[in-house]
C-alpha atoms as a PDB file:
ATOM      1  CA  MET A   1      18.076  -7.733  36.093  1.00  0.00           C
ATOM      2  CA  SER A   2      19.754  -4.713  34.504  1.00  0.00           C
ATOM      3  CA  ALA A   3      23.250  -3.292  34.257  1.00  0.00           C
ATOM      4  CA  ARG A   4      24.676  -1.484  37.280  1.00  0.00           C
ATOM      5  CA  PRO A   5      23.986   2.285  37.466  1.00  0.00           C
ATOM      6  CA  GLY A   6      26.628   4.246  35.561  1.00  0.00           C
ATOM      7  CA  THR A   7      27.455   1.364  33.219  1.00  0.00           C
ATOM      8  CA  PRO A   8      27.340   2.373  29.511  1.00  0.00           C
ATOM      9  CA  THR A   9      24.283   0.789  27.906  1.00  0.00           C
ATOM     10  CA  VAL A  10      24.898   1.459  24.182  1.00  0.00           C
ATOM     11  CA  LEU A  11      27.548  -0.357  22.168  1.00  0.00           C
ATOM     12  CA  HIS A  12      28.772   0.847  18.766  1.00  0.00           C
ATOM     13  CA  VAL A  13      30.334  -1.959  16.712  1.00  0.00           C
ATOM     14  CA  ARG A  14      32.158  -1.337  13.442  1.00  0.00           C
ATOM     15  CA  PHE A  15      33.290  -4.259  11.271  1.00  0.00           C
ATOM     16  CA  HIS A  16      36.632  -4.435   9.472  1.00  0.00           C
ATOM     17  CA  PRO A  17      36.402  -7.120   6.742  1.00  0.00           C
ATOM     18  CA  PRO A  18      39.706  -8.503   5.414  1.00  0.00           C
ATOM     19  CA  GLY A  19      39.121  -7.026   1.946  1.00  0.00           C
ATOM     20  CA  GLY A  20      38.356  -3.555   3.265  1.00  0.00           C
ATOM     21  CA  GLU A  21      34.760  -3.516   1.954  1.00  0.00           C
ATOM     22  CA  LEU A  22      31.842  -5.440   3.430  1.00  0.00           C
ATOM     23  CA  ASP A  23      29.437  -7.162   1.065  1.00  0.00           C
ATOM     24  CA  PRO A  24      25.781  -6.462   1.955  1.00  0.00           C
ATOM     25  CA  ALA A  25      25.056 -10.177   2.302  1.00  0.00           C
ATOM     26  CA  ASP A  26      27.981 -10.617   4.719  1.00  0.00           C
ATOM     27  CA  TYR A  27      26.794  -7.561   6.634  1.00  0.00           C
ATOM     28  CA  GLU A  28      23.391  -9.195   7.116  1.00  0.00           C
ATOM     29  CA  VAL A  29      25.066 -12.317   8.510  1.00  0.00           C
ATOM     30  CA  LEU A  30      27.120 -10.238  10.943  1.00  0.00           C
ATOM     31  CA  LEU A  31      23.931  -8.531  12.112  1.00  0.00           C
ATOM     32  CA  ASP A  32      22.558 -12.015  12.836  1.00  0.00           C
ATOM     33  CA  LEU A  33      25.640 -12.586  15.019  1.00  0.00           C
ATOM     34  CA  LEU A  34      24.888  -9.413  16.985  1.00  0.00           C
ATOM     35  CA  GLU A  35      21.200 -10.277  17.363  1.00  0.00           C
ATOM     36  CA  ALA A  36      22.254 -13.554  18.998  1.00  0.00           C
ATOM     37  CA  ILE A  37      23.717 -11.367  21.765  1.00  0.00           C
ATOM     38  CA  THR A  38      20.962  -8.746  22.129  1.00  0.00           C
ATOM     39  CA  PRO A  39      17.585  -8.380  20.382  1.00  0.00           C
ATOM     40  CA  VAL A  40      17.982  -4.593  20.113  1.00  0.00           C
ATOM     41  CA  VAL A  41      20.349  -4.070  17.178  1.00  0.00           C
ATOM     42  CA  GLN A  42      20.097  -0.965  15.014  1.00  0.00           C
ATOM     43  CA  ALA A  43      21.903  -1.370  11.686  1.00  0.00           C
ATOM     44  CA  LEU A  44      24.187   1.428  10.499  1.00  0.00           C
ATOM     45  CA  PRO A  45      25.060   0.305   6.954  1.00  0.00           C
ATOM     46  CA  PRO A  46      27.425  -0.462   5.447  1.00  0.00           C
ATOM     47  CA  THR A  47      29.763  -1.585   8.265  1.00  0.00           C
ATOM     48  CA  ALA A  48      28.426  -0.673  11.730  1.00  0.00           C
ATOM     49  CA  ALA A  49      25.607  -1.223  14.196  1.00  0.00           C
ATOM     50  CA  LEU A  50      24.341   0.009  17.568  1.00  0.00           C
ATOM     51  CA  LEU A  51      23.408  -2.409  20.359  1.00  0.00           C
ATOM     52  CA  ASP A  52      21.365  -1.884  23.498  1.00  0.00           C
ATOM     53  CA  ILE A  53      23.290  -3.896  26.116  1.00  0.00           C
ATOM     54  CA  SER A  54      21.351  -2.803  29.208  1.00  0.00           C
ATOM     55  CA  GLY A  55      20.040  -6.329  29.769  1.00  0.00           C
ATOM     56  CA  THR A  56      22.842  -8.192  28.039  1.00  0.00           C
ATOM     57  CA  LEU A  57      25.682  -7.787  30.542  1.00  0.00           C
ATOM     58  CA  PRO A  58      23.912  -9.490  33.463  1.00  0.00           C
ATOM     59  CA  TYR A  59      22.589 -12.207  31.128  1.00  0.00           C
ATOM     60  CA  PHE A  60      26.110 -13.159  30.040  1.00  0.00           C
ATOM     61  CA  HIS A  61      27.566 -12.437  33.511  1.00  0.00           C
ATOM     62  CA  THR A  62      30.209 -10.155  32.038  1.00  0.00           C
ATOM     63  CA  ASP A  63      31.223  -6.495  31.736  1.00  0.00           C
ATOM     64  CA  VAL A  64      31.542  -4.248  28.685  1.00  0.00           C
ATOM     65  CA  ALA A  65      35.101  -5.397  27.954  1.00  0.00           C
ATOM     66  CA  GLY A  66      34.068  -9.041  28.162  1.00  0.00           C
ATOM     67  CA  LEU A  67      31.094  -8.505  25.854  1.00  0.00           C
ATOM     68  CA  ALA A  68      33.227  -6.639  23.308  1.00  0.00           C
ATOM     69  CA  ALA A  69      35.784  -9.437  23.397  1.00  0.00           C
ATOM     70  CA  MET A  70      33.008 -11.998  22.838  1.00  0.00           C
ATOM     71  CA  ILE A  71      31.678 -10.135  19.786  1.00  0.00           C
ATOM     72  CA  ARG A  72      35.169  -9.719  18.341  1.00  0.00           C
ATOM     73  CA  ALA A  73      36.056 -13.387  18.867  1.00  0.00           C
ATOM     74  CA  ARG A  74      32.842 -14.588  17.177  1.00  0.00           C
ATOM     75  CA  ALA A  75      33.244 -12.216  14.207  1.00  0.00           C
ATOM     76  CA  LEU A  76      36.870 -13.267  13.696  1.00  0.00           C
ATOM     77  CA  ALA A  77      36.179 -16.968  14.128  1.00  0.00           C
ATOM     78  CA  THR A  78      33.155 -17.179  11.840  1.00  0.00           C
ATOM     79  CA  HIS A  79      33.799 -14.402   9.283  1.00  0.00           C
ATOM     80  CA  ALA A  80      37.499 -13.437   9.602  1.00  0.00           C
ATOM     81  CA  THR A  81      36.223  -9.926  10.363  1.00  0.00           C
ATOM     82  CA  ASP A  82      37.715  -7.727  13.077  1.00  0.00           C
ATOM     83  CA  THR A  83      35.724  -5.176  15.066  1.00  0.00           C
ATOM     84  CA  THR A  84      36.068  -1.775  16.685  1.00  0.00           C
ATOM     85  CA  THR A  85      33.850  -1.304  19.722  1.00  0.00           C
ATOM     86  CA  ALA A  86      32.854   1.695  21.824  1.00  0.00           C
ATOM     87  CA  ALA A  87      30.447   1.905  24.739  1.00  0.00           C
ATOM     88  CA  ALA A  88      28.649   4.968  26.091  1.00  0.00           C
ATOM     89  CA  SER A  89      25.346   6.080  27.566  1.00  0.00           C
ATOM     90  CA  ASN A  90      23.673   7.026  24.253  1.00  0.00           C
ATOM     91  CA  PRO A  91      24.031   6.445  20.483  1.00  0.00           C
ATOM     92  CA  LEU A  92      25.758   9.780  19.737  1.00  0.00           C
ATOM     93  CA  LEU A  93      28.472   9.294  22.350  1.00  0.00           C
ATOM     94  CA  ALA A  94      29.037   5.658  21.366  1.00  0.00           C
ATOM     95  CA  HIS A  95      29.453   6.695  17.727  1.00  0.00           C
ATOM     96  CA  LEU A  96      31.888   9.493  18.575  1.00  0.00           C
ATOM     97  CA  ALA A  97      33.884   7.244  20.900  1.00  0.00           C
ATOM     98  CA  ALA A  98      34.331   4.686  18.111  1.00  0.00           C
ATOM     99  CA  ARG A  99      35.140   7.278  15.451  1.00  0.00           C
ATOM    100  CA  THR A 100      38.956   7.168  15.590  1.00  0.00           C
ATOM    101  CA  GLN A 101      39.530   3.788  17.199  1.00  0.00           C
ATOM    102  CA  PRO A 102      41.573   1.212  15.223  1.00  0.00           C
ATOM    103  CA  ALA A 103      40.498  -2.360  14.474  1.00  0.00           C
ATOM    104  CA  GLY A 104      40.444  -4.484  17.592  1.00  0.00           C
ATOM    105  CA  ALA A 105      40.131  -1.528  19.964  1.00  0.00           C
ATOM    106  CA  LEU A 106      37.554  -0.929  22.701  1.00  0.00           C
ATOM    107  CA  ARG A 107      36.722   2.518  24.097  1.00  0.00           C
ATOM    108  CA  VAL A 108      34.469   2.799  27.132  1.00  0.00           C
ATOM    109  CA  LEU A 109      33.216   6.338  27.688  1.00  0.00           C
ATOM    110  CA  THR A 110      31.822   6.786  31.197  1.00  0.00           C
ATOM    111  CA  ASP A 111      29.583   9.684  32.206  1.00  0.00           C
ATOM    112  CA  ASP A 112      32.341  11.461  34.122  1.00  0.00           C
ATOM    113  CA  GLN A 113      34.580  11.415  31.009  1.00  0.00           C
ATOM    114  CA  VAL A 114      32.068  12.899  28.568  1.00  0.00           C
ATOM    115  CA  ALA A 115      32.826  16.624  29.047  1.00  0.00           C
ATOM    116  CA  GLY A 116      36.571  16.185  28.706  1.00  0.00           C
ATOM    117  CA  PHE A 117      36.170  13.862  25.712  1.00  0.00           C
ATOM    118  CA  LEU A 118      33.883  16.230  23.802  1.00  0.00           C
ATOM    119  CA  ALA A 119      35.568  19.544  24.643  1.00  0.00           C
ATOM    120  CA  PRO A 120      38.378  19.525  21.998  1.00  0.00           C
ATOM    121  CA  LEU A 121      36.332  18.019  19.154  1.00  0.00           C
ATOM    122  CA  PRO A 122      35.262  20.206  16.201  1.00  0.00           C
ATOM    123  CA  PRO A 123      31.517  20.689  15.660  1.00  0.00           C
ATOM    124  CA  THR A 124      31.728  18.955  12.259  1.00  0.00           C
ATOM    125  CA  VAL A 125      31.875  15.565  14.035  1.00  0.00           C
ATOM    126  CA  LEU A 126      28.227  16.026  14.979  1.00  0.00           C
ATOM    127  CA  PRO A 127      25.336  15.000  12.715  1.00  0.00           C
ATOM    128  CA  GLY A 128      23.661  17.903  10.948  1.00  0.00           C
ATOM    129  CA  ILE A 129      26.678  20.231  11.096  1.00  0.00           C
ATOM    130  CA  GLY A 130      27.667  20.835   7.493  1.00  0.00           C
ATOM    131  CA  ALA A 131      29.964  23.362   5.891  1.00  0.00           C
ATOM    132  CA  ALA A 132      27.512  26.297   6.172  1.00  0.00           C
ATOM    133  CA  ALA A 133      26.777  25.732   9.868  1.00  0.00           C
ATOM    134  CA  ALA A 134      30.501  25.219  10.559  1.00  0.00           C
ATOM    135  CA  ARG A 135      31.315  28.570   8.907  1.00  0.00           C
ATOM    136  CA  THR A 136      28.699  30.325  11.012  1.00  0.00           C
ATOM    137  CA  LEU A 137      30.095  28.795  14.200  1.00  0.00           C
ATOM    138  CA  THR A 138      33.668  29.674  13.203  1.00  0.00           C
ATOM    139  CA  GLN A 139      32.665  33.297  12.667  1.00  0.00           C
ATOM    140  CA  LEU A 140      31.399  33.282  16.271  1.00  0.00           C
ATOM    141  CA  GLY A 141      34.628  31.691  17.501  1.00  0.00           C
ATOM    142  CA  LEU A 142      32.830  28.439  18.334  1.00  0.00           C
ATOM    143  CA  THR A 143      35.389  26.031  16.906  1.00  0.00           C
ATOM    144  CA  THR A 144      35.174  23.278  19.529  1.00  0.00           C
ATOM    145  CA  LEU A 145      32.370  21.476  21.320  1.00  0.00           C
ATOM    146  CA  GLY A 146      33.717  22.773  24.612  1.00  0.00           C
ATOM    147  CA  ARG A 147      33.185  26.359  23.513  1.00  0.00           C
ATOM    148  CA  ILE A 148      29.755  25.526  22.137  1.00  0.00           C
ATOM    149  CA  ALA A 149      28.753  23.808  25.389  1.00  0.00           C
ATOM    150  CA  ALA A 150      29.650  27.013  27.279  1.00  0.00           C
ATOM    151  CA  THR A 151      27.577  29.193  24.926  1.00  0.00           C
ATOM    152  CA  PRO A 152      24.070  30.251  26.026  1.00  0.00           C
ATOM    153  CA  LEU A 153      21.288  28.447  24.177  1.00  0.00           C
ATOM    154  CA  PRO A 154      19.670  31.660  22.809  1.00  0.00           C
ATOM    155  CA  THR A 155      22.955  32.560  21.073  1.00  0.00           C
ATOM    156  CA  LEU A 156      23.035  29.233  19.235  1.00  0.00           C
ATOM    157  CA  GLN A 157      19.366  29.498  18.346  1.00  0.00           C
ATOM    158  CA  ARG A 158      19.862  32.978  16.861  1.00  0.00           C
ATOM    159  CA  ALA A 159      22.847  31.763  14.844  1.00  0.00           C
ATOM    160  CA  LEU A 160      21.425  28.487  13.512  1.00  0.00           C
ATOM    161  CA  GLY A 161      17.682  28.564  14.131  1.00  0.00           C
ATOM    162  CA  THR A 162      15.622  27.291  17.028  1.00  0.00           C
ATOM    163  CA  GLY A 163      15.663  23.578  16.219  1.00  0.00           C
ATOM    164  CA  PRO A 164      19.276  23.230  14.996  1.00  0.00           C
ATOM    165  CA  GLY A 165      20.542  25.467  17.792  1.00  0.00           C
ATOM    166  CA  THR A 166      18.765  23.380  20.433  1.00  0.00           C
ATOM    167  CA  ARG A 167      20.117  20.115  19.023  1.00  0.00           C
ATOM    168  CA  LEU A 168      23.657  21.507  18.889  1.00  0.00           C
ATOM    169  CA  HIS A 169      23.355  22.736  22.464  1.00  0.00           C
ATOM    170  CA  GLN A 170      22.365  19.229  23.580  1.00  0.00           C
ATOM    171  CA  HIS A 171      24.909  17.350  21.469  1.00  0.00           C
ATOM    172  CA  ALA A 172      27.800  19.542  22.616  1.00  0.00           C
ATOM    173  CA  ARG A 173      26.970  18.407  26.156  1.00  0.00           C
ATOM    174  CA  GLY A 174      26.683  14.762  25.182  1.00  0.00           C
ATOM    175  CA  ILE A 175      22.895  14.687  25.374  1.00  0.00           C
ATOM    176  CA  ASP A 176      21.183  12.520  22.756  1.00  0.00           C
ATOM    177  CA  PRO A 177      17.500  11.678  23.317  1.00  0.00           C
ATOM    178  CA  THR A 178      17.330   9.580  20.128  1.00  0.00           C
ATOM    179  CA  PRO A 179      15.967   6.130  21.034  1.00  0.00           C
ATOM    180  CA  LEU A 180      17.822   3.044  19.920  1.00  0.00           C
ATOM    181  CA  THR A 181      15.349   0.914  17.980  1.00  0.00           C
ATOM    182  CA  PRO A 182      15.843  -2.450  16.262  1.00  0.00           C
ATOM    183  CA  ALA A 183      16.275  -1.849  12.534  1.00  0.00           C
ATOM    184  CA  ARG A 184      17.628  -3.836   9.617  1.00  0.00           C
ATOM    185  CA  PRO A 185      18.921  -2.448   6.316  1.00  0.00           C
ATOM    186  CA  GLU A 186      16.295  -1.877   3.682  1.00  0.00           C
ATOM    187  CA  PRO A 187      15.160  -4.979   1.772  1.00  0.00           C
ATOM    188  CA  ALA A 188      17.264  -6.015  -1.176  1.00  0.00           C
ATOM    189  CA  LEU A 189      17.528  -8.751  -3.759  1.00  0.00           C
ATOM    190  CA  SER A 190      20.850 -10.260  -4.737  1.00  0.00           C
ATOM    191  CA  ALA A 191      22.244 -12.930  -7.025  1.00  0.00           C
ATOM    192  CA  GLU A 192      25.763 -14.187  -7.458  1.00  0.00           C
ATOM    193  CA  HIS A 193      27.836 -16.179  -9.908  1.00  0.00           C
ATOM    194  CA  ALA A 194      30.906 -18.150  -8.808  1.00  0.00           C
ATOM    195  CA  PHE A 195      33.249 -18.949 -11.690  1.00  0.00           C
ATOM    196  CA  PRO A 196      34.560 -22.543 -11.882  1.00  0.00           C
ATOM    197  CA  ALA A 197      38.096 -21.074 -12.050  1.00  0.00           C
ATOM    198  CA  ASP A 198      39.563 -17.617 -11.506  1.00  0.00           C
ATOM    199  CA  GLU A 199      38.191 -15.560 -14.395  1.00  0.00           C
ATOM    200  CA  LEU A 200      40.314 -12.911 -16.156  1.00  0.00           C
ATOM    201  CA  ASP A 201      38.283 -12.649 -19.366  1.00  0.00           C
ATOM    202  CA  PRO A 202      36.157  -9.444 -19.247  1.00  0.00           C
ATOM    203  CA  ASP A 203      33.744 -10.857 -21.842  1.00  0.00           C
ATOM    204  CA  ARG A 204      33.034 -13.862 -19.630  1.00  0.00           C
ATOM    205  CA  GLN A 205      32.565 -11.530 -16.674  1.00  0.00           C
ATOM    206  CA  ARG A 206      30.110  -9.378 -18.652  1.00  0.00           C
ATOM    207  CA  ALA A 207      28.216 -12.498 -19.764  1.00  0.00           C
ATOM    208  CA  ALA A 208      27.863 -13.465 -16.085  1.00  0.00           C
ATOM    209  CA  LEU A 209      26.598  -9.974 -15.302  1.00  0.00           C
ATOM    210  CA  LEU A 210      24.028 -10.270 -18.099  1.00  0.00           C
ATOM    211  CA  HIS A 211      22.759 -13.468 -16.504  1.00  0.00           C
ATOM    212  CA  LEU A 212      22.623 -11.870 -13.036  1.00  0.00           C
ATOM    213  CA  ALA A 213      20.707  -8.879 -14.418  1.00  0.00           C
ATOM    214  CA  HIS A 214      18.193 -11.249 -16.090  1.00  0.00           C
ATOM    215  CA  HIS A 215      17.776 -13.089 -12.810  1.00  0.00           C
ATOM    216  CA  LEU A 216      17.223  -9.899 -10.781  1.00  0.00           C
ATOM    217  CA  GLY A 217      14.899  -8.413 -13.392  1.00  0.00           C
ATOM    218  CA  THR A 218      12.683 -11.500 -13.332  1.00  0.00           C
ATOM    219  CA  ALA A 219      12.666 -11.554  -9.523  1.00  0.00           C
ATOM    220  CA  LEU A 220      11.790  -7.866  -9.284  1.00  0.00           C
ATOM    221  CA  ARG A 221       8.909  -8.137 -11.748  1.00  0.00           C
ATOM    222  CA  THR A 222       7.610 -11.269  -9.999  1.00  0.00           C
ATOM    223  CA  ARG A 223       7.547  -9.366  -6.702  1.00  0.00           C
ATOM    224  CA  GLY A 224       6.136  -6.200  -8.253  1.00  0.00           C
ATOM    225  CA  GLN A 225       9.164  -4.158  -7.198  1.00  0.00           C
ATOM    226  CA  ALA A 226      11.673  -1.778  -8.765  1.00  0.00           C
ATOM    227  CA  ALA A 227      15.300  -1.174  -7.788  1.00  0.00           C
ATOM    228  CA  GLY A 228      16.565   2.289  -6.896  1.00  0.00           C
ATOM    229  CA  THR A 229      20.210   1.202  -6.687  1.00  0.00           C
ATOM    230  CA  LEU A 230      22.382  -1.558  -8.099  1.00  0.00           C
ATOM    231  CA  THR A 231      25.502  -2.751  -6.290  1.00  0.00           C
ATOM    232  CA  LEU A 232      28.229  -4.912  -7.825  1.00  0.00           C
ATOM    233  CA  THR A 233      30.735  -6.796  -5.677  1.00  0.00           C
ATOM    234  CA  ALA A 234      33.712  -8.594  -7.210  1.00  0.00           C
ATOM    235  CA  ARG A 235      35.497 -11.153  -5.039  1.00  0.00           C
ATOM    236  CA  TYR A 236      39.024 -12.067  -6.036  1.00  0.00           C
ATOM    237  CA  ALA A 237      41.288 -15.100  -5.760  1.00  0.00           C
ATOM    238  CA  ASP A 238      43.074 -13.631  -2.721  1.00  0.00           C
ATOM    239  CA  ARG A 239      39.702 -13.340  -0.887  1.00  0.00           C
ATOM    240  CA  THR A 240      39.620  -9.550  -1.094  1.00  0.00           C
ATOM    241  CA  SER A 241      36.679  -7.782  -2.734  1.00  0.00           C
ATOM    242  CA  THR A 242      35.613  -4.495  -4.295  1.00  0.00           C
ATOM    243  CA  THR A 243      32.110  -3.019  -4.204  1.00  0.00           C
ATOM    244  CA  ARG A 244      30.555  -0.230  -6.264  1.00  0.00           C
ATOM    245  CA  THR A 245      27.008   1.171  -6.258  1.00  0.00           C
ATOM    246  CA  ARG A 246      25.179   3.145  -8.940  1.00  0.00           C
ATOM    247  CA  ARG A 247      21.654   4.460  -9.373  1.00  0.00           C
ATOM    248  CA  PRO A 248      19.828   3.739 -12.619  1.00  0.00           C
ATOM    249  CA  THR A 249      18.355   6.783 -14.339  1.00  0.00           C
ATOM    250  CA  GLN A 250      15.151   5.962 -12.479  1.00  0.00           C
ATOM    251  CA  PRO A 251      13.970   3.050 -10.298  1.00  0.00           C
ATOM    252  CA  THR A 252      13.527   0.084 -12.611  1.00  0.00           C
ATOM    253  CA  ASP A 253      12.603  -3.569 -12.958  1.00  0.00           C
ATOM    254  CA  HIS A 254      13.536  -3.588 -16.664  1.00  0.00           C
ATOM    255  CA  THR A 255      16.290  -6.083 -17.461  1.00  0.00           C
ATOM    256  CA  PRO A 256      18.021  -3.938 -20.146  1.00  0.00           C
ATOM    257  CA  ASP A 257      18.239  -1.035 -17.668  1.00  0.00           C
ATOM    258  CA  LEU A 258      19.671  -3.326 -14.999  1.00  0.00           C
ATOM    259  CA  THR A 259      22.128  -4.805 -17.485  1.00  0.00           C
ATOM    260  CA  ASP A 260      23.340  -1.382 -18.633  1.00  0.00           C
ATOM    261  CA  THR A 261      23.884  -0.271 -15.034  1.00  0.00           C
ATOM    262  CA  ALA A 262      25.716  -3.522 -14.215  1.00  0.00           C
ATOM    263  CA  TYR A 263      28.033  -3.035 -17.211  1.00  0.00           C
ATOM    264  CA  ARG A 264      28.796   0.521 -16.108  1.00  0.00           C
ATOM    265  CA  LEU A 265      29.627  -0.721 -12.609  1.00  0.00           C
ATOM    266  CA  HIS A 266      31.869  -3.408 -14.093  1.00  0.00           C
ATOM    267  CA  HIS A 267      33.732  -0.775 -16.094  1.00  0.00           C
ATOM    268  CA  THR A 268      34.376   1.355 -12.986  1.00  0.00           C
ATOM    269  CA  LEU A 269      36.001  -1.609 -11.207  1.00  0.00           C
ATOM    270  CA  GLY A 270      38.840  -1.738 -13.758  1.00  0.00           C
ATOM    271  CA  LEU A 271      39.182  -5.531 -13.693  1.00  0.00           C
ATOM    272  CA  GLN A 272      41.487  -5.854 -16.708  1.00  0.00           C
ATOM    273  CA  ARG A 273      43.949  -8.204 -14.970  1.00  0.00           C
ATOM    274  CA  ALA A 274      41.999  -9.136 -11.866  1.00  0.00           C
ATOM    275  CA  ARG A 275      41.454 -12.823 -11.071  1.00  0.00           C
ATOM    276  CA  VAL A 276      37.747 -12.720 -10.320  1.00  0.00           C
ATOM    277  CA  ARG A 277      36.322 -15.568  -8.273  1.00  0.00           C
ATOM    278  CA  THR A 278      32.717 -14.391  -7.761  1.00  0.00           C
ATOM    279  CA  LEU A 279      30.427 -11.610  -8.965  1.00  0.00           C
ATOM    280  CA  ILE A 280      27.484 -10.484  -6.812  1.00  0.00           C
ATOM    281  CA  LEU A 281      24.779  -8.144  -8.089  1.00  0.00           C
ATOM    282  CA  ARG A 282      22.413  -6.564  -5.555  1.00  0.00           C
ATOM    283  CA  ALA A 283      19.254  -4.561  -6.191  1.00  0.00           C
ATOM    284  CA  GLY A 284      18.600  -2.119  -3.342  1.00  0.00           C
ATOM    285  CA  GLU A 285      16.221   0.668  -2.317  1.00  0.00           C
ATOM    286  CA  LEU A 286      13.309  -1.489  -3.440  1.00  0.00           C
ATOM    287  CA  LEU A 287       9.913   0.122  -3.886  1.00  0.00           C
ATOM    288  CA  PRO A 288       6.611  -0.949  -5.449  1.00  0.00           C
ATOM    289  CA  ALA A 289       6.954  -0.941  -9.226  1.00  0.00           C
ATOM    290  CA  ALA A 290       3.686   0.973  -9.515  1.00  0.00           C
ATOM    291  CA  ALA A 291       5.223   3.816  -7.494  1.00  0.00           C
ATOM    292  CA  ALA A 292       8.369   4.002  -9.617  1.00  0.00           C
ATOM    293  CA  HIS A 293       8.458   6.950 -11.984  1.00  0.00           C
ATOM    294  CA  ARG A 294       8.789   5.793 -15.567  1.00  0.00           C
ATOM    295  CA  GLN A 295       9.675   8.321 -18.210  1.00  0.00           C
ATOM    296  CA  LEU A 296       7.641   7.913 -21.355  1.00  0.00           C
ATOM    297  CA  THR A 297       9.206   8.604 -24.726  1.00  0.00           C
ATOM    298  CA  PRO A 298       6.858  10.401 -27.155  1.00  0.00           C
ATOM    299  CA  ALA A 299       6.635   8.623 -30.486  1.00  0.00           C
ATOM    300  CA  PRO A 300       4.167   8.589 -33.359  1.00  0.00           C
ATOM    301  CA  ALA A 301       4.048   4.817 -33.430  1.00  0.00           C
ATOM    302  CA  PRO A 302       1.356   3.231 -31.239  1.00  0.00           C
ATOM    303  CA  ALA A 303       3.919   1.052 -29.448  1.00  0.00           C
ATOM    304  CA  PRO A 304       7.327   2.703 -28.931  1.00  0.00           C
ATOM    305  CA  ALA A 305      10.377   0.429 -28.783  1.00  0.00           C
ATOM    306  CA  PRO A 306      10.705   0.533 -24.967  1.00  0.00           C
ATOM    307  CA  ASP A 307       7.086  -0.565 -24.596  1.00  0.00           C
ATOM    308  CA  ARG A 308       7.568  -3.392 -27.106  1.00  0.00           C
ATOM    309  CA  ASP A 309      10.596  -4.502 -25.094  1.00  0.00           C
ATOM    310  CA  ARG A 310       8.489  -4.591 -21.952  1.00  0.00           C
ATOM    311  CA  MET A 311       5.732  -6.511 -23.733  1.00  0.00           C
ATOM    312  CA  ARG A 312       8.276  -9.151 -24.816  1.00  0.00           C
ATOM    313  CA  GLU A 313       9.706  -9.159 -21.299  1.00  0.00           C
ATOM    314  CA  ALA A 314       6.266  -9.763 -19.789  1.00  0.00           C
ATOM    315  CA  ALA A 315       5.617 -12.596 -22.238  1.00  0.00           C
ATOM    316  CA  ALA A 316       8.956 -14.189 -21.318  1.00  0.00           C
ATOM    317  CA  ASP A 317       8.099 -13.867 -17.616  1.00  0.00           C
ATOM    318  CA  ARG A 318       4.791 -15.661 -18.183  1.00  0.00           C
ATOM    319  CA  ALA A 319       6.587 -18.443 -20.061  1.00  0.00           C
ATOM    320  CA  ARG A 320       9.136 -18.869 -17.269  1.00  0.00           C
ATOM    321  CA  HIS A 321       6.366 -18.951 -14.700  1.00  0.00           C
ATOM    322  CA  ARG A 322       4.565 -21.677 -16.614  1.00  0.00           C
ATOM    323  CA  PHE A 323       7.456 -23.756 -18.015  1.00  0.00           C
ATOM    324  CA  GLY A 324      10.319 -23.072 -15.604  1.00  0.00           C
ATOM    325  CA  PRO A 325      13.132 -20.530 -15.150  1.00  0.00           C
ATOM    326  CA  THR A 326      15.116 -21.714 -18.187  1.00  0.00           C
ATOM    327  CA  ALA A 327      12.310 -21.039 -20.644  1.00  0.00           C
ATOM    328  CA  LEU A 328      13.179 -18.406 -23.281  1.00  0.00           C
ATOM    329  CA  THR A 329      16.711 -17.968 -21.932  1.00  0.00           C
ATOM    330  CA  PRO A 330      19.160 -16.316 -24.373  1.00  0.00           C
ATOM    331  CA  ALA A 331      21.666 -18.842 -25.710  1.00  0.00           C
ATOM    332  CA  VAL A 332      24.629 -16.833 -24.391  1.00  0.00           C
ATOM    333  CA  LEU A 333      23.362 -17.416 -20.856  1.00  0.00           C
ATOM    334  CA  MET A 334      22.900 -21.169 -20.994  1.00  0.00           C
ATOM    335  CA  PRO A 335      26.311 -22.025 -19.421  1.00  0.00           C
ATOM    336  CA  PHE A 336      25.562 -19.953 -16.334  1.00  0.00           C
ATOM    337  CA  ARG A 337      23.814 -20.942 -13.136  1.00  0.00           C
ATOM    338  CA  ILE A 338      22.835 -18.569 -10.391  1.00  0.00           C
ATOM    339  CA  GLY A 339      23.945 -19.003  -6.781  1.00  0.00           C
ATOM    340  CA  ARG A 340      21.775 -17.437  -4.092  1.00  0.00           C
END
């Protein structure tokens, strides 16, 4: 059984966590919630997702409004996270319909509403329309999607090129042939430390970060992977959180590199008087360590300092593998335990 003809079949869901920023681990859990409703969920990190609901409505014996209310109720009940929901016939329209909706809102865009909905919007709301393309369209007087939709295809192709002009011609009419495919965010590794009491001491926070970086470095090297990004989330006593992401100089599995990046992230958070409850460090954009570019430093000595550091690191990894994770742990890290 499928949805009735004319019923929107794509749902765009955007999450609104109470702290304003959604931790990647919490985002994964919310995706699990959506996959309990439909198996076709396409993640749109960091806070949204697309759902194919063509077979979901008859299964739950409900309509789009009922399904949106179900998702919102489950997200609020289990994660204190509100949602914005929009439904349309394809991913582009669902995304645009959700674009300006507030938390808790539902927008259903039916096929007969598409032309009127798109007509006043500027072309910059569409994917692939940057500043240069927008200037070109403005020079032609094409400042709204309605005007673009009324423009002959050859004119757009001459102005932007064959491919971009064709895509713009389709998008301005609400046509999006992009298939909706199940997809999760890229793999990541994370570790967290929960302080026994609200922690204001920046030195204690940095010591926890050192321990998290050691943990992630060991895990990355064990898996033969390198991290292209590092994300730090600080959760506070009032249950709000702040998240920052930074790229190391190059993808790395080297603990000192991870530690340096974590310290830089910590500095950007400005936590001088913040009551920190938990710190979470996440290694993202993982790739095989063998494929990661590693810059070599010329030196006359046969074993430059960075290589000696990696040799000691490898020896410590072998000791931990043989004698347990606490083997060869720096004394400053002994009070800390990692939560997963």
